[in-house]
Amino acid sequence: MTHIADFHQRFWFLIFSIFLNSAANALTISTNLGSAVWTGSSVNLANWIHIPLGTTLLLYGIAVTLLNQLMLGHFDRRRFISNLLYIVPFSYLVQFIAGFWNWLGVPSLPLVIRLIVNLLGLIGVATAVSIYQRCNLIQHPNDDLSYILRFRFLHGSAIIAQWTSYLPPLTITVIAFFVTGQLRAIGIGTVFALVAQGAIMGWSDTHVFPSLKHHVDVPTAHHHAA
């Protein structure tokens, strides 16, 4: 019965975190003062290849899902399906909710208010990631990449894993900028995310729903070394 209750708790935390993550990411896009690194990269990629943001997020997610399998060193069917289960609703929720924030008038708010809203959105993203990483039922492939790096290669360090996982989206953003001459959803908020997201996740692990513990299911750095 304990396992059933635990799964039930993790499931509802997961649903909550998907909506929080989607709404918070969409909010940072709507303010246009800088999104989290992966989201900002997706906005620039969508602008470069001229397809809808939701579809870009989906294709990006599929590519990272395949990368995760390479990082694990073996095919993990549960993780593969889990990444795809997360990315499909998340991608289109972000696109839909961003339209809702725009309709509410977020882009035309005074600059200081927009900046505050932007930073709240980024804190919301980091908090959501902490919640569903602890649930570990299904995960966004981008964050799963960070999770695999963190526990397989980097001795559990959330901050170093976050920085390492940012290399692909930063590369895409730079290439998109050189091709289009435009930089979207990248700004002071992105700098904040680069500096602080890993730390906020670490803080959230112990302060936001502290009863929800990590359910680690990748080989640890020690195990890998052996």
Protein backbone atom coordinates (compact mmCIF):
# COMPACT_ATOMS: atom_id res chain seq x y z
CA MET A 1 0.00 0.00 0.00
CA THR A 2 2.92 2.33 0.74
CA HIS A 3 4.19 1.95 -2.83
CA ILE A 4 0.72 2.72 -4.24
CA ALA A 5 0.37 5.81 -2.06
CA ASP A 6 3.89 6.91 -3.05
CA PHE A 7 3.13 6.49 -6.76
CA HIS A 8 -0.15 8.37 -6.37
CA GLN A 9 1.63 11.27 -4.67
CA ARG A 10 4.36 11.37 -7.32
CA PHE A 11 1.79 11.24 -10.14
CA TRP A 12 -0.11 14.32 -8.94
CA PHE A 13 3.10 16.22 -8.24
CA LEU A 14 4.11 15.37 -11.80
CA ILE A 15 0.87 16.75 -13.32
CA PHE A 16 1.25 19.92 -11.26
CA SER A 17 4.88 20.34 -12.34
CA ILE A 18 4.08 19.94 -16.06
CA PHE A 19 1.53 22.77 -15.90
CA LEU A 20 3.84 24.91 -13.74
CA ASN A 21 6.76 24.34 -16.11
CA SER A 22 4.67 25.10 -19.21
CA ALA A 23 3.08 28.24 -17.74
CA ALA A 24 6.38 29.55 -16.35
CA ASN A 25 8.29 28.96 -19.60
CA ALA A 26 5.48 30.60 -21.57
CA LEU A 27 5.58 33.58 -19.20
CA THR A 28 9.29 34.13 -19.85
CA ILE A 29 8.66 33.99 -23.61
CA SER A 30 5.82 36.51 -23.32
CA THR A 31 7.94 39.02 -21.36
CA ASN A 32 10.72 38.73 -23.99
CA LEU A 33 13.33 39.62 -21.38
CA GLY A 34 15.10 36.29 -21.48
CA SER A 35 13.90 32.73 -21.13
CA ALA A 36 15.59 29.69 -19.64
CA VAL A 37 18.40 28.55 -21.92
CA TRP A 38 16.61 25.64 -23.60
CA THR A 39 13.40 27.63 -24.14
CA GLY A 40 15.24 30.65 -25.53
CA SER A 41 17.16 28.37 -27.84
CA SER A 42 13.87 26.84 -29.08
CA VAL A 43 12.40 30.29 -29.78
CA ASN A 44 15.46 31.21 -31.86
CA LEU A 45 15.44 27.86 -33.66
CA ALA A 46 11.72 28.32 -34.50
CA ASN A 47 12.50 31.79 -35.85
CA TRP A 48 15.37 30.40 -37.92
CA ILE A 49 13.58 27.42 -39.53
CA HIS A 50 10.12 29.07 -39.66
CA ILE A 51 7.98 26.43 -38.00
CA PRO A 52 5.63 26.88 -34.99
CA LEU A 53 7.20 27.00 -31.54
CA GLY A 54 5.26 23.96 -30.31
CA THR A 55 6.53 21.85 -33.20
CA THR A 56 10.09 23.13 -32.71
CA LEU A 57 9.97 22.22 -29.01
CA LEU A 58 8.68 18.76 -29.96
CA LEU A 59 11.41 18.10 -32.56
CA TYR A 60 14.06 19.45 -30.19
CA GLY A 61 12.76 17.12 -27.49
CA ILE A 62 12.90 14.07 -29.77
CA ALA A 63 16.53 14.87 -30.68
CA VAL A 64 17.52 15.19 -27.00
CA THR A 65 15.62 11.98 -26.16
CA LEU A 66 17.93 10.15 -28.57
CA LEU A 67 20.98 11.90 -27.06
CA ASN A 68 19.92 10.71 -23.60
CA GLN A 69 20.00 7.11 -24.78
CA LEU A 70 23.57 7.62 -26.00
CA MET A 71 24.55 9.17 -22.64
CA LEU A 72 23.12 6.19 -20.75
CA GLY A 73 25.20 3.82 -22.85
CA HIS A 74 22.30 1.42 -23.39
CA PHE A 75 18.70 1.55 -24.62
CA ASP A 76 16.35 2.34 -21.74
CA ARG A 77 12.84 1.78 -23.09
CA ARG A 78 11.05 3.22 -20.04
CA ARG A 79 13.13 6.39 -20.15
CA PHE A 80 12.71 6.72 -23.94
CA ILE A 81 8.91 6.49 -23.69
CA SER A 82 8.89 8.75 -20.63
CA ASN A 83 10.77 11.53 -22.45
CA LEU A 84 8.32 11.40 -25.36
CA LEU A 85 5.30 11.35 -23.00
CA TYR A 86 6.54 14.56 -21.40
CA ILE A 87 7.55 16.48 -24.51
CA VAL A 88 4.27 16.11 -26.46
CA PRO A 89 1.88 17.88 -24.04
CA PHE A 90 4.58 20.26 -22.78
CA SER A 91 5.52 21.56 -26.24
CA TYR A 92 2.02 22.59 -27.22
CA LEU A 93 1.06 23.77 -23.71
CA VAL A 94 3.94 26.28 -23.87
CA GLN A 95 2.77 27.56 -27.26
CA PHE A 96 -0.87 27.81 -26.10
CA ILE A 97 -0.15 29.43 -22.72
CA ALA A 98 2.30 31.91 -24.28
CA GLY A 99 -0.59 33.05 -26.48
CA PHE A 100 -2.74 33.38 -23.35
CA TRP A 101 -0.13 35.54 -21.57
CA ASN A 102 0.15 37.70 -24.69
CA TRP A 103 -3.64 38.07 -24.75
CA LEU A 104 -3.54 39.20 -21.11
CA GLY A 105 -1.11 41.95 -22.11
CA VAL A 106 2.11 40.73 -20.49
CA PRO A 107 4.31 42.02 -23.39
CA SER A 108 3.02 45.58 -22.87
CA LEU A 109 3.57 45.73 -19.10
CA PRO A 110 6.02 48.39 -17.83
CA LEU A 111 9.64 47.22 -18.05
CA VAL A 112 10.22 46.84 -14.30
CA ILE A 113 7.01 44.82 -13.86
CA ARG A 114 7.90 42.65 -16.87
CA LEU A 115 11.34 42.00 -15.39
CA ILE A 116 9.86 40.94 -12.04
CA VAL A 117 7.35 38.69 -13.84
CA ASN A 118 10.17 37.27 -15.96
CA LEU A 119 12.27 36.37 -12.93
CA LEU A 120 9.25 34.81 -11.21
CA GLY A 121 8.72 32.72 -14.34
CA LEU A 122 12.33 31.52 -14.26
CA ILE A 123 12.05 30.61 -10.57
CA GLY A 124 8.86 28.73 -11.48
CA VAL A 125 10.72 26.78 -14.18
CA ALA A 126 13.53 25.74 -11.81
CA THR A 127 11.02 24.76 -9.12
CA ALA A 128 8.98 22.68 -11.59
CA VAL A 129 12.12 20.88 -12.76
CA SER A 130 13.05 20.05 -9.16
CA ILE A 131 9.56 18.63 -8.54
CA TYR A 132 9.36 16.32 -11.53
CA GLN A 133 13.00 15.25 -11.28
CA ARG A 134 12.21 14.05 -7.76
CA CYS A 135 9.04 12.31 -8.99
CA ASN A 136 11.07 10.67 -11.77
CA LEU A 137 8.02 9.13 -13.43
CA ILE A 138 8.41 10.92 -16.74
CA GLN A 139 10.82 13.77 -17.46
CA HIS A 140 11.38 16.44 -20.07
CA PRO A 141 14.28 15.09 -22.17
CA ASN A 142 16.26 18.32 -21.73
CA ASP A 143 16.13 18.02 -17.95
CA ASP A 144 16.63 14.27 -18.11
CA LEU A 145 19.92 15.01 -19.88
CA SER A 146 20.95 17.15 -16.90
CA TYR A 147 19.71 14.42 -14.53
CA ILE A 148 21.75 11.69 -16.28
CA LEU A 149 24.85 13.90 -16.29
CA ARG A 150 24.30 14.79 -12.63
CA PHE A 151 23.99 11.27 -11.24
CA ARG A 152 26.03 9.23 -13.74
CA PHE A 153 29.02 11.47 -14.33
CA LEU A 154 29.06 14.46 -11.96
CA HIS A 155 28.68 12.99 -8.46
CA GLY A 156 25.21 14.47 -7.88
CA SER A 157 26.10 18.13 -8.54
CA ALA A 158 22.97 19.92 -9.81
CA ILE A 159 24.87 23.10 -10.70
CA ILE A 160 27.67 21.51 -12.77
CA ALA A 161 25.19 19.19 -14.52
CA GLN A 162 22.98 22.15 -15.43
CA TRP A 163 25.92 24.07 -16.92
CA THR A 164 27.10 21.04 -18.90
CA SER A 165 23.63 20.36 -20.31
CA TYR A 166 23.43 23.96 -21.58
CA LEU A 167 26.14 23.44 -24.21
CA PRO A 168 23.79 22.15 -26.99
CA PRO A 169 21.12 24.90 -26.66
CA LEU A 170 23.73 27.66 -26.39
CA THR A 171 25.37 26.36 -29.58
CA ILE A 172 22.02 26.32 -31.43
CA THR A 173 21.23 29.87 -30.23
CA VAL A 174 24.57 31.23 -31.48
CA ILE A 175 24.17 29.55 -34.89
CA ALA A 176 20.56 30.82 -35.23
CA PHE A 177 21.72 34.35 -34.38
CA PHE A 178 24.45 34.30 -37.04
CA VAL A 179 22.05 32.96 -39.67
CA THR A 180 19.05 35.25 -38.93
CA GLY A 181 20.73 38.28 -37.36
CA GLN A 182 18.00 38.18 -34.68
CA LEU A 183 18.15 37.17 -31.05
CA ARG A 184 14.81 36.37 -29.39
CA ALA A 185 13.85 35.37 -25.84
CA ILE A 186 17.47 35.86 -24.80
CA GLY A 187 18.27 38.59 -22.29
CA ILE A 188 18.80 39.36 -18.64
CA GLY A 189 16.50 36.48 -17.69
CA THR A 190 18.74 34.05 -19.59
CA VAL A 191 21.76 35.28 -17.63
CA PHE A 192 19.77 34.79 -14.42
CA ALA A 193 18.86 31.24 -15.52
CA LEU A 194 22.47 30.44 -16.41
CA VAL A 195 23.74 31.63 -13.06
CA ALA A 196 20.94 30.59 -10.75
CA GLN A 197 18.76 27.79 -12.13
CA GLY A 198 20.87 24.94 -10.79
CA ALA A 199 21.06 26.58 -7.37
CA ILE A 200 17.28 27.22 -7.29
CA MET A 201 16.69 23.57 -8.20
CA GLY A 202 18.99 22.47 -5.37
CA TRP A 203 17.17 24.78 -2.94
CA SER A 204 13.77 23.55 -4.16
CA ASP A 205 14.82 19.94 -3.60
CA THR A 206 14.82 20.54 0.15
CA HIS A 207 12.36 23.44 0.59
CA VAL A 208 9.54 22.91 -1.95
CA PHE A 209 7.44 19.85 -1.02
CA PRO A 210 10.35 18.44 1.07
CA SER A 211 8.47 15.17 1.62
CA LEU A 212 9.05 14.41 -2.09
CA LYS A 213 12.41 12.66 -2.30
CA HIS A 214 14.64 11.85 -5.29
CA HIS A 215 13.97 8.49 -6.92
CA VAL A 216 17.34 7.99 -8.62
CA ASP A 217 17.41 5.35 -11.37
CA VAL A 218 20.65 5.89 -13.26
CA PRO A 219 24.06 4.41 -12.44
CA THR A 220 25.95 6.80 -10.17
CA ALA A 221 29.38 8.22 -10.97
CA HIS A 222 30.90 5.74 -8.49
CA HIS A 223 29.08 2.81 -10.11
CA HIS A 224 30.05 3.99 -13.58
CA ALA A 225 33.70 4.28 -12.60
CA ALA A 226 33.65 0.73 -11.30
